[in-house]
Structures are given as structure tokens and as C-alpha cells.
Amino acid sequence: MTTESLPDFSNKVVLFYLSDSTSASGVILEYASFQCFAGRVFVVGRSPEMRLQEWISRLQAAVAWDQVTHYFVFDSREDCELRLSKQWPASWVSRIWTRLFG
């Protein structure tokens, strides 16, 4: 795979959905770039600091590019958080967290 055939995620926030994931929520990365490890291509970046993901904010993360089924590109962290908050209202998220973690 050549670098010309890979998308450019510079200055964007990207939501990835993975083929073998048990989570329907996907993985969100900012500062995403492509790197090779052990002969595989990964998208490497950082989990953005967002209200809905405080527990993993600013952690380094990577997803295997060959496991990505689809992705959404947001112009900014604020755009991503605004759109996700419309999908998952804060009251709903709060109720789910309360059920899961008491």
C-alpha cells in the first residue's frame, strides 16, 4: 500500500468503526497518521479530550487499518463532540453510566 492511496487526516478528528469490534461506539482519534508495525498499517493518534470520553482522554491509541470498515471525519474536536452529543444526549449517557457503574 502506498502513502498516496491513504487518506489524509491532518488537523481532523476521525471516528473509526472496526470489523472485529464488539463495541458499536467506534474509536475516535485526533492527530491521526499512518505508521507500519510488524508489516501492518495502523492509524496512530490520540484520544481527544471530550466530555463523553473523559476516562480515555489524551491517551495514545492505534487501530489496524485493515480492520477499519468505515470512518467519519470531523473538522474539529468541538464538531465531533457536538454531533455525538446529539446522537447520545447527556441524560441518556448519564443513565447508562449509572446502570453500569452504580
PDB file of N, CA and C in Angstrom:
ATOM      1  N   MET A   1       0.848  -1.172   0.000  1.00  0.00           N
ATOM      2  CA  MET A   1       0.000   0.000   0.000  1.00  0.00           C
ATOM      3  C   MET A   1       0.895   1.238   0.000  1.00  0.00           C
ATOM      4  N   THR A   2       0.655   2.135  -0.917  1.00  0.00           N
ATOM      5  CA  THR A   2       1.454   3.353  -0.992  1.00  0.00           C
ATOM      6  C   THR A   2       0.806   4.463  -0.180  1.00  0.00           C
ATOM      7  N   THR A   3       1.620   5.409   0.250  1.00  0.00           N
ATOM      8  CA  THR A   3       1.080   6.511   1.049  1.00  0.00           C
ATOM      9  C   THR A   3       0.131   7.381   0.244  1.00  0.00           C
ATOM     10  N   GLU A   4       0.264   7.389  -1.088  1.00  0.00           N
ATOM     11  CA  GLU A   4      -0.656   8.171  -1.913  1.00  0.00           C
ATOM     12  C   GLU A   4      -2.080   7.626  -1.861  1.00  0.00           C
ATOM     13  N   SER A   5      -2.233   6.335  -1.577  1.00  0.00           N
ATOM     14  CA  SER A   5      -3.565   5.733  -1.549  1.00  0.00           C
ATOM     15  C   SER A   5      -4.233   5.833  -0.177  1.00  0.00           C
ATOM     16  N   LEU A   6      -3.537   6.417   0.803  1.00  0.00           N
ATOM     17  CA  LEU A   6      -4.093   6.558   2.151  1.00  0.00           C
ATOM     18  C   LEU A   6      -4.705   7.941   2.332  1.00  0.00           C
ATOM     19  N   PRO A   7      -5.805   8.033   3.070  1.00  0.00           N
ATOM     20  CA  PRO A   7      -6.418   9.340   3.299  1.00  0.00           C
ATOM     21  C   PRO A   7      -5.539  10.228   4.186  1.00  0.00           C
ATOM     22  N   ASP A   8      -5.736  11.523   4.077  1.00  0.00           N
ATOM     23  CA  ASP A   8      -5.007  12.493   4.888  1.00  0.00           C
ATOM     24  C   ASP A   8      -5.924  12.966   6.010  1.00  0.00           C
ATOM     25  N   PHE A   9      -5.591  12.627   7.248  1.00  0.00           N
ATOM     26  CA  PHE A   9      -6.395  13.006   8.400  1.00  0.00           C
ATOM     27  C   PHE A   9      -5.803  14.210   9.148  1.00  0.00           C
ATOM     28  N   SER A  10      -4.895  14.933   8.530  1.00  0.00           N
ATOM     29  CA  SER A  10      -4.247  16.078   9.180  1.00  0.00           C
ATOM     30  C   SER A  10      -5.281  17.085   9.672  1.00  0.00           C
ATOM     31  N   ASN A  11      -5.105  17.513  10.927  1.00  0.00           N
ATOM     32  CA  ASN A  11      -5.957  18.534  11.544  1.00  0.00           C
ATOM     33  C   ASN A  11      -7.434  18.141  11.606  1.00  0.00           C
ATOM     34  N   LYS A  12      -7.703  16.853  11.649  1.00  0.00           N
ATOM     35  CA  LYS A  12      -9.076  16.353  11.727  1.00  0.00           C
ATOM     36  C   LYS A  12      -9.219  15.431  12.927  1.00  0.00           C
ATOM     37  N   VAL A  13     -10.459  15.176  13.295  1.00  0.00           N
ATOM     38  CA  VAL A  13     -10.808  14.168  14.298  1.00  0.00           C
ATOM     39  C   VAL A  13     -11.568  13.092  13.536  1.00  0.00           C
ATOM     40  N   VAL A  14     -11.201  11.839  13.754  1.00  0.00           N
ATOM     41  CA  VAL A  14     -11.766  10.751  12.954  1.00  0.00           C
ATOM     42  C   VAL A  14     -12.388   9.699  13.867  1.00  0.00           C
ATOM     43  N   LEU A  15     -13.587   9.273  13.510  1.00  0.00           N
ATOM     44  CA  LEU A  15     -14.291   8.197  14.206  1.00  0.00           C
ATOM     45  C   LEU A  15     -14.197   6.952  13.334  1.00  0.00           C
ATOM     46  N   PHE A  16     -13.533   5.910  13.850  1.00  0.00           N
ATOM     47  CA  PHE A  16     -13.332   4.660  13.119  1.00  0.00           C
ATOM     48  C   PHE A  16     -14.259   3.579  13.657  1.00  0.00           C
ATOM     49  N   TYR A  17     -14.825   2.792  12.756  1.00  0.00           N
ATOM     50  CA  TYR A  17     -15.566   1.592  13.132  1.00  0.00           C
ATOM     51  C   TYR A  17     -14.768   0.395  12.632  1.00  0.00           C
ATOM     52  N   LEU A  18     -14.631  -0.605  13.500  1.00  0.00           N
ATOM     53  CA  LEU A  18     -13.759  -1.743  13.210  1.00  0.00           C
ATOM     54  C   LEU A  18     -14.562  -3.009  12.972  1.00  0.00           C
ATOM     55  N   SER A  19     -14.058  -3.856  12.082  1.00  0.00           N
ATOM     56  CA  SER A  19     -14.785  -5.064  11.694  1.00  0.00           C
ATOM     57  C   SER A  19     -14.904  -6.087  12.814  1.00  0.00           C
ATOM     58  N   ASP A  20     -13.904  -6.186  13.681  1.00  0.00           N
ATOM     59  CA  ASP A  20     -13.954  -7.211  14.718  1.00  0.00           C
ATOM     60  C   ASP A  20     -14.266  -6.658  16.102  1.00  0.00           C
ATOM     61  N   SER A  21     -14.792  -5.454  16.156  1.00  0.00           N
ATOM     62  CA  SER A  21     -15.069  -4.821  17.442  1.00  0.00           C
ATOM     63  C   SER A  21     -16.417  -5.266  17.999  1.00  0.00           C
ATOM     64  N   THR A  22     -16.452  -5.469  19.291  1.00  0.00           N
ATOM     65  CA  THR A  22     -17.722  -5.766  19.948  1.00  0.00           C
ATOM     66  C   THR A  22     -18.433  -4.482  20.357  1.00  0.00           C
ATOM     67  N   SER A  23     -17.759  -3.356  20.208  1.00  0.00           N
ATOM     68  CA  SER A  23     -18.340  -2.069  20.571  1.00  0.00           C
ATOM     69  C   SER A  23     -18.936  -1.393  19.351  1.00  0.00           C
ATOM     70  N   ALA A  24     -20.131  -0.882  19.484  1.00  0.00           N
ATOM     71  CA  ALA A  24     -20.772  -0.156  18.389  1.00  0.00           C
ATOM     72  C   ALA A  24     -20.396   1.322  18.405  1.00  0.00           C
ATOM     73  N   SER A  25     -19.596   1.739  19.391  1.00  0.00           N
ATOM     74  CA  SER A  25     -19.304   3.163  19.528  1.00  0.00           C
ATOM     75  C   SER A  25     -18.120   3.629  18.703  1.00  0.00           C
ATOM     76  N   GLY A  26     -17.289   2.734  18.251  1.00  0.00           N
ATOM     77  CA  GLY A  26     -16.151   3.123  17.441  1.00  0.00           C
ATOM     78  C   GLY A  26     -14.998   3.677  18.256  1.00  0.00           C
ATOM     79  N   VAL A  27     -13.940   4.094  17.551  1.00  0.00           N
ATOM     80  CA  VAL A  27     -12.736   4.643  18.160  1.00  0.00           C
ATOM     81  C   VAL A  27     -12.513   6.026  17.564  1.00  0.00           C
ATOM     82  N   ILE A  28     -12.340   7.026  18.424  1.00  0.00           N
ATOM     83  CA  ILE A  28     -12.121   8.396  17.964  1.00  0.00           C
ATOM     84  C   ILE A  28     -10.658   8.758  18.168  1.00  0.00           C
ATOM     85  N   LEU A  29     -10.029   9.288  17.107  1.00  0.00           N
ATOM     86  CA  LEU A  29      -8.631   9.708  17.183  1.00  0.00           C
ATOM     87  C   LEU A  29      -8.456  11.110  16.608  1.00  0.00           C
ATOM     88  N   GLU A  30      -7.569  11.877  17.252  1.00  0.00           N
ATOM     89  CA  GLU A  30      -7.112  13.135  16.674  1.00  0.00           C
ATOM     90  C   GLU A  30      -5.609  13.007  16.444  1.00  0.00           C
ATOM     91  N   TYR A  31      -5.046  13.891  15.658  1.00  0.00           N
ATOM     92  CA  TYR A  31      -3.621  13.816  15.286  1.00  0.00           C
ATOM     93  C   TYR A  31      -3.311  12.457  14.650  1.00  0.00           C
ATOM     94  N   ALA A  32      -4.236  11.948  13.866  1.00  0.00           N
ATOM     95  CA  ALA A  32      -4.099  10.610  13.282  1.00  0.00           C
ATOM     96  C   ALA A  32      -3.131  10.619  12.104  1.00  0.00           C
ATOM     97  N   SER A  33      -2.272   9.613  12.094  1.00  0.00           N
ATOM     98  CA  SER A  33      -1.338   9.416  10.982  1.00  0.00           C
ATOM     99  C   SER A  33      -1.113   7.923  10.811  1.00  0.00           C
ATOM    100  N   PHE A  34      -0.567   7.554   9.675  1.00  0.00           N
ATOM    101  CA  PHE A  34      -0.335   6.143   9.376  1.00  0.00           C
ATOM    102  C   PHE A  34       1.091   5.756   9.730  1.00  0.00           C
ATOM    103  N   GLN A  35       1.211   4.568  10.356  1.00  0.00           N
ATOM    104  CA  GLN A  35       2.521   4.015  10.691  1.00  0.00           C
ATOM    105  C   GLN A  35       2.472   2.507  10.475  1.00  0.00           C
ATOM    106  N   CYS A  36       3.611   1.948  10.153  1.00  0.00           N
ATOM    107  CA  CYS A  36       3.709   0.489   9.970  1.00  0.00           C
ATOM    108  C   CYS A  36       4.364  -0.139  11.190  1.00  0.00           C
ATOM    109  N   PHE A  37       3.775  -1.227  11.668  1.00  0.00           N
ATOM    110  CA  PHE A  37       4.326  -2.031  12.755  1.00  0.00           C
ATOM    111  C   PHE A  37       4.193  -3.486  12.346  1.00  0.00           C
ATOM    112  N   ALA A  38       5.289  -4.204  12.401  1.00  0.00           N
ATOM    113  CA  ALA A  38       5.300  -5.649  12.097  1.00  0.00           C
ATOM    114  C   ALA A  38       4.617  -5.950  10.765  1.00  0.00           C
ATOM    115  N   GLY A  39       4.836  -5.092   9.787  1.00  0.00           N
ATOM    116  CA  GLY A  39       4.297  -5.325   8.453  1.00  0.00           C
ATOM    117  C   GLY A  39       2.839  -4.950   8.267  1.00  0.00           C
ATOM    118  N   ARG A  40       2.202  -4.379   9.278  1.00  0.00           N
ATOM    119  CA  ARG A  40       0.801  -3.958   9.171  1.00  0.00           C
ATOM    120  C   ARG A  40       0.713  -2.443   9.273  1.00  0.00           C
ATOM    121  N   VAL A  41      -0.287  -1.889   8.601  1.00  0.00           N
ATOM    122  CA  VAL A  41      -0.511  -0.446   8.633  1.00  0.00           C
ATOM    123  C   VAL A  41      -1.513  -0.134   9.744  1.00  0.00           C
ATOM    124  N   PHE A  42      -1.149   0.836  10.594  1.00  0.00           N
ATOM    125  CA  PHE A  42      -2.011   1.290  11.681  1.00  0.00           C
ATOM    126  C   PHE A  42      -2.268   2.783  11.546  1.00  0.00           C
ATOM    127  N   VAL A  43      -3.431   3.196  12.016  1.00  0.00           N
ATOM    128  CA  VAL A  43      -3.708   4.617  12.190  1.00  0.00           C
ATOM    129  C   VAL A  43      -3.404   4.900  13.653  1.00  0.00           C
ATOM    130  N   VAL A  44      -2.429   5.760  13.890  1.00  0.00           N
ATOM    131  CA  VAL A  44      -1.967   6.072  15.240  1.00  0.00           C
ATOM    132  C   VAL A  44      -2.345   7.509  15.553  1.00  0.00           C
ATOM    133  N   GLY A  45      -2.845   7.732  16.759  1.00  0.00           N
ATOM    134  CA  GLY A  45      -3.220   9.083  17.161  1.00  0.00           C
ATOM    135  C   GLY A  45      -3.450   9.157  18.649  1.00  0.00           C
ATOM    136  N   ARG A  46      -4.251  10.121  19.032  1.00  0.00           N
ATOM    137  CA  ARG A  46      -4.541  10.350  20.450  1.00  0.00           C
ATOM    138  C   ARG A  46      -6.043  10.456  20.619  1.00  0.00           C
ATOM    139  N   SER A  47      -6.533   9.892  21.700  1.00  0.00           N
ATOM    140  CA  SER A  47      -7.947  10.024  22.028  1.00  0.00           C
ATOM    141  C   SER A  47      -8.203  11.461  22.465  1.00  0.00           C
ATOM    142  N   PRO A  48      -9.135  12.154  21.829  1.00  0.00           N
ATOM    143  CA  PRO A  48      -9.343  13.566  22.169  1.00  0.00           C
ATOM    144  C   PRO A  48      -9.939  13.748  23.555  1.00  0.00           C
ATOM    145  N   GLU A  49      -9.697  14.911  24.117  1.00  0.00           N
ATOM    146  CA  GLU A  49     -10.294  15.262  25.404  1.00  0.00           C
ATOM    147  C   GLU A  49     -11.719  15.712  25.140  1.00  0.00           C
ATOM    148  N   MET A  50     -12.668  14.834  25.492  1.00  0.00           N
ATOM    149  CA  MET A  50     -14.078  15.113  25.246  1.00  0.00           C
ATOM    150  C   MET A  50     -14.896  14.705  26.459  1.00  0.00           C
ATOM    151  N   ARG A  51     -15.965  15.423  26.682  1.00  0.00           N
ATOM    152  CA  ARG A  51     -16.837  15.176  27.832  1.00  0.00           C
ATOM    153  C   ARG A  51     -17.340  13.737  27.867  1.00  0.00           C
ATOM    154  N   LEU A  52     -17.664  13.164  26.720  1.00  0.00           N
ATOM    155  CA  LEU A  52     -18.222  11.813  26.687  1.00  0.00           C
ATOM    156  C   LEU A  52     -17.162  10.720  26.806  1.00  0.00           C
ATOM    157  N   GLN A  53     -15.874  11.101  26.819  1.00  0.00           N
ATOM    158  CA  GLN A  53     -14.798  10.111  26.870  1.00  0.00           C
ATOM    159  C   GLN A  53     -13.714  10.508  27.855  1.00  0.00           C
ATOM    160  N   GLU A  54     -14.042  11.137  28.942  1.00  0.00           N
ATOM    161  CA  GLU A  54     -13.024  11.643  29.858  1.00  0.00           C
ATOM    162  C   GLU A  54     -12.067  10.566  30.352  1.00  0.00           C
ATOM    163  N   TRP A  55     -12.544   9.363  30.516  1.00  0.00           N
ATOM    164  CA  TRP A  55     -11.712   8.296  31.097  1.00  0.00           C
ATOM    165  C   TRP A  55     -10.556   7.873  30.189  1.00  0.00           C
ATOM    166  N   ILE A  56     -10.629   8.184  28.882  1.00  0.00           N
ATOM    167  CA  ILE A  56      -9.516   7.847  27.983  1.00  0.00           C
ATOM    168  C   ILE A  56      -8.934   9.081  27.286  1.00  0.00           C
ATOM    169  N   SER A  57      -9.299  10.264  27.757  1.00  0.00           N
ATOM    170  CA  SER A  57      -8.817  11.500  27.137  1.00  0.00           C
ATOM    171  C   SER A  57      -7.300  11.563  27.101  1.00  0.00           C
ATOM    172  N   ARG A  58      -6.790  11.960  25.979  1.00  0.00           N
ATOM    173  CA  ARG A  58      -5.374  12.205  25.728  1.00  0.00           C
ATOM    174  C   ARG A  58      -4.475  10.967  25.804  1.00  0.00           C
ATOM    175  N   LEU A  59      -5.040   9.787  25.678  1.00  0.00           N
ATOM    176  CA  LEU A  59      -4.218   8.574  25.628  1.00  0.00           C
ATOM    177  C   LEU A  59      -3.851   8.263  24.180  1.00  0.00           C
ATOM    178  N   GLN A  60      -2.632   7.776  23.969  1.00  0.00           N
ATOM    179  CA  GLN A  60      -2.217   7.327  22.647  1.00  0.00           C
ATOM    180  C   GLN A  60      -3.005   6.067  22.300  1.00  0.00           C
ATOM    181  N   ALA A  61      -3.381   5.948  21.034  1.00  0.00           N
ATOM    182  CA  ALA A  61      -4.154   4.790  20.590  1.00  0.00           C
ATOM    183  C   ALA A  61      -3.845   4.515  19.125  1.00  0.00           C
ATOM    184  N   ALA A  62      -4.190   3.330  18.690  1.00  0.00           N
ATOM    185  CA  ALA A  62      -3.992   2.956  17.292  1.00  0.00           C
ATOM    186  C   ALA A  62      -5.048   1.946  16.884  1.00  0.00           C
ATOM    187  N   VAL A  63      -5.392   1.955  15.617  1.00  0.00           N
ATOM    188  CA  VAL A  63      -6.290   0.954  15.056  1.00  0.00           C
ATOM    189  C   VAL A  63      -5.630   0.381  13.808  1.00  0.00           C
ATOM    190  N   ALA A  64      -5.823  -0.901  13.590  1.00  0.00           N
ATOM    191  CA  ALA A  64      -5.282  -1.546  12.395  1.00  0.00           C
ATOM    192  C   ALA A  64      -6.110  -1.110  11.190  1.00  0.00           C
ATOM    193  N   TRP A  65      -5.443  -0.546  10.206  1.00  0.00           N
ATOM    194  CA  TRP A  65      -6.136  -0.018   9.026  1.00  0.00           C
ATOM    195  C   TRP A  65      -6.910  -1.120   8.300  1.00  0.00           C
ATOM    196  N   ASP A  66      -6.409  -2.342   8.302  1.00  0.00           N
ATOM    197  CA  ASP A  66      -7.115  -3.418   7.609  1.00  0.00           C
ATOM    198  C   ASP A  66      -8.361  -3.893   8.360  1.00  0.00           C
ATOM    199  N   GLN A  67      -8.588  -3.382   9.563  1.00  0.00           N
ATOM    200  CA  GLN A  67      -9.784  -3.716  10.337  1.00  0.00           C
ATOM    201  C   GLN A  67     -10.857  -2.625  10.277  1.00  0.00           C
ATOM    202  N   VAL A  68     -10.538  -1.497   9.658  1.00  0.00           N
ATOM    203  CA  VAL A  68     -11.487  -0.387   9.562  1.00  0.00           C
ATOM    204  C   VAL A  68     -12.522  -0.699   8.490  1.00  0.00           C
ATOM    205  N   THR A  69     -13.796  -0.670   8.889  1.00  0.00           N
ATOM    206  CA  THR A  69     -14.870  -0.901   7.921  1.00  0.00           C
ATOM    207  C   THR A  69     -15.374   0.413   7.346  1.00  0.00           C
ATOM    208  N   HIS A  70     -15.427   1.449   8.170  1.00  0.00           N
ATOM    209  CA  HIS A  70     -15.795   2.785   7.704  1.00  0.00           C
ATOM    210  C   HIS A  70     -15.361   3.809   8.745  1.00  0.00           C
ATOM    211  N   TYR A  71     -15.351   5.066   8.335  1.00  0.00           N
ATOM    212  CA  TYR A  71     -14.921   6.129   9.245  1.00  0.00           C
ATOM    213  C   TYR A  71     -15.614   7.425   8.896  1.00  0.00           C
ATOM    214  N   PHE A  72     -15.668   8.328   9.883  1.00  0.00           N
ATOM    215  CA  PHE A  72     -16.240   9.657   9.712  1.00  0.00           C
ATOM    216  C   PHE A  72     -15.182  10.682  10.093  1.00  0.00           C
ATOM    217  N   VAL A  73     -15.043  11.727   9.280  1.00  0.00           N
ATOM    218  CA  VAL A  73     -14.045  12.756   9.506  1.00  0.00           C
ATOM    219  C   VAL A  73     -14.747  14.031   9.971  1.00  0.00           C
ATOM    220  N   PHE A  74     -14.325  14.536  11.129  1.00  0.00           N
ATOM    221  CA  PHE A  74     -14.873  15.768  11.696  1.00  0.00           C
ATOM    222  C   PHE A  74     -13.843  16.881  11.561  1.00  0.00           C
ATOM    223  N   ASP A  75     -14.316  18.095  11.388  1.00  0.00           N
ATOM    224  CA  ASP A  75     -13.408  19.236  11.218  1.00  0.00           C
ATOM    225  C   ASP A  75     -12.649  19.592  12.488  1.00  0.00           C
ATOM    226  N   SER A  76     -13.237  19.277  13.647  1.00  0.00           N
ATOM    227  CA  SER A  76     -12.601  19.645  14.913  1.00  0.00           C
ATOM    228  C   SER A  76     -13.144  18.766  16.037  1.00  0.00           C
ATOM    229  N   ARG A  77     -12.498  18.851  17.185  1.00  0.00           N
ATOM    230  CA  ARG A  77     -12.955  18.141  18.377  1.00  0.00           C
ATOM    231  C   ARG A  77     -14.345  18.639  18.786  1.00  0.00           C
ATOM    232  N   GLU A  78     -14.543  19.946  18.696  1.00  0.00           N
ATOM    233  CA  GLU A  78     -15.827  20.534  19.075  1.00  0.00           C
ATOM    234  C   GLU A  78     -16.948  20.038  18.158  1.00  0.00           C
ATOM    235  N   ASP A  79     -16.666  19.971  16.858  1.00  0.00           N
ATOM    236  CA  ASP A  79     -17.653  19.469  15.900  1.00  0.00           C
ATOM    237  C   ASP A  79     -18.017  18.025  16.219  1.00  0.00           C
ATOM    238  N   CYS A  80     -17.025  17.220  16.494  1.00  0.00           N
ATOM    239  CA  CYS A  80     -17.246  15.813  16.836  1.00  0.00           C
ATOM    240  C   CYS A  80     -18.096  15.689  18.101  1.00  0.00           C
ATOM    241  N   GLU A  81     -17.718  16.418  19.142  1.00  0.00           N
ATOM    242  CA  GLU A  81     -18.448  16.325  20.405  1.00  0.00           C
ATOM    243  C   GLU A  81     -19.885  16.813  20.258  1.00  0.00           C
ATOM    244  N   LEU A  82     -20.091  17.884  19.504  1.00  0.00           N
ATOM    245  CA  LEU A  82     -21.441  18.400  19.288  1.00  0.00           C
ATOM    246  C   LEU A  82     -22.311  17.373  18.574  1.00  0.00           C
ATOM    247  N   ARG A  83     -21.780  16.785  17.532  1.00  0.00           N
ATOM    248  CA  ARG A  83     -22.550  15.795  16.785  1.00  0.00           C
ATOM    249  C   ARG A  83     -22.824  14.538  17.615  1.00  0.00           C
ATOM    250  N   LEU A  84     -21.837  14.087  18.386  1.00  0.00           N
ATOM    251  CA  LEU A  84     -22.057  12.916  19.240  1.00  0.00           C
ATOM    252  C   LEU A  84     -23.053  13.205  20.346  1.00  0.00           C
ATOM    253  N   SER A  85     -23.032  14.416  20.877  1.00  0.00           N
ATOM    254  CA  SER A  85     -23.986  14.757  21.938  1.00  0.00           C
ATOM    255  C   SER A  85     -25.412  14.764  21.405  1.00  0.00           C
ATOM    256  N   LYS A  86     -25.582  15.050  20.134  1.00  0.00           N
ATOM    257  CA  LYS A  86     -26.921  14.990  19.533  1.00  0.00           C
ATOM    258  C   LYS A  86     -27.367  13.549  19.370  1.00  0.00           C
ATOM    259  N   GLN A  87     -26.411  12.654  19.111  1.00  0.00           N
ATOM    260  CA  GLN A  87     -26.725  11.238  18.968  1.00  0.00           C
ATOM    261  C   GLN A  87     -26.986  10.598  20.324  1.00  0.00           C
ATOM    262  N   TRP A  88     -26.156  10.943  21.312  1.00  0.00           N
ATOM    263  CA  TRP A  88     -26.265  10.386  22.656  1.00  0.00           C
ATOM    264  C   TRP A  88     -26.468  11.523  23.645  1.00  0.00           C
ATOM    265  N   PRO A  89     -27.714  11.923  23.915  1.00  0.00           N
ATOM    266  CA  PRO A  89     -27.950  13.011  24.873  1.00  0.00           C
ATOM    267  C   PRO A  89     -27.315  12.724  26.229  1.00  0.00           C
ATOM    268  N   ALA A  90     -26.877  13.785  26.898  1.00  0.00           N
ATOM    269  CA  ALA A  90     -26.175  13.649  28.180  1.00  0.00           C
ATOM    270  C   ALA A  90     -27.011  12.879  29.204  1.00  0.00           C
ATOM    271  N   SER A  91     -28.313  13.085  29.221  1.00  0.00           N
ATOM    272  CA  SER A  91     -29.153  12.383  30.192  1.00  0.00           C
ATOM    273  C   SER A  91     -29.144  10.877  29.937  1.00  0.00           C
ATOM    274  N   TRP A  92     -29.132  10.477  28.668  1.00  0.00           N
ATOM    275  CA  TRP A  92     -29.085   9.060  28.321  1.00  0.00           C
ATOM    276  C   TRP A  92     -27.743   8.469  28.726  1.00  0.00           C
ATOM    277  N   VAL A  93     -26.670   9.177  28.409  1.00  0.00           N
ATOM    278  CA  VAL A  93     -25.334   8.707  28.768  1.00  0.00           C
ATOM    279  C   VAL A  93     -25.214   8.570  30.279  1.00  0.00           C
ATOM    280  N   SER A  94     -25.739   9.541  31.023  1.00  0.00           N
ATOM    281  CA  SER A  94     -25.691   9.504  32.483  1.00  0.00           C
ATOM    282  C   SER A  94     -26.436   8.283  33.028  1.00  0.00           C
ATOM    283  N   ARG A  95     -27.608   7.991  32.473  1.00  0.00           N
ATOM    284  CA  ARG A  95     -28.377   6.829  32.933  1.00  0.00           C
ATOM    285  C   ARG A  95     -27.637   5.525  32.652  1.00  0.00           C
ATOM    286  N   ILE A  96     -27.002   5.427  31.494  1.00  0.00           N
ATOM    287  CA  ILE A  96     -26.248   4.213  31.153  1.00  0.00           C
ATOM    288  C   ILE A  96     -25.078   4.034  32.113  1.00  0.00           C
ATOM    289  N   TRP A  97     -24.307   5.124  32.372  1.00  0.00           N
ATOM    290  CA  TRP A  97     -23.175   5.040  33.287  1.00  0.00           C
ATOM    291  C   TRP A  97     -23.632   4.643  34.685  1.00  0.00           C
ATOM    292  N   THR A  98     -24.766   5.178  35.126  1.00  0.00           N
ATOM    293  CA  THR A  98     -25.299   4.844  36.446  1.00  0.00           C
ATOM    294  C   THR A  98     -25.657   3.362  36.511  1.00  0.00           C
ATOM    295  N   ARG A  99     -26.288   2.847  35.472  1.00  0.00           N
ATOM    296  CA  ARG A  99     -26.646   1.428  35.438  1.00  0.00           C
ATOM    297  C   ARG A  99     -25.392   0.538  35.458  1.00  0.00           C
ATOM    298  N   LEU A 100     -24.395   0.930  34.675  1.00  0.00           N
ATOM    299  CA  LEU A 100     -23.200   0.100  34.575  1.00  0.00           C
ATOM    300  C   LEU A 100     -22.317   0.146  35.818  1.00  0.00           C
ATOM    301  N   PHE A 101     -22.164   1.353  36.359  1.00  0.00           N
ATOM    302  CA  PHE A 101     -21.188   1.525  37.428  1.00  0.00           C
ATOM    303  C   PHE A 101     -21.776   1.969  38.765  1.00  0.00           C
ATOM    304  N   GLY A 102     -23.122   1.998  38.847  1.00  0.00           N
ATOM    305  CA  GLY A 102     -23.790   2.285  40.099  1.00  0.00           C
ATOM    306  C   GLY A 102     -23.547   3.646  40.593  1.00  0.00           C
TER     307      GLY A 102
END
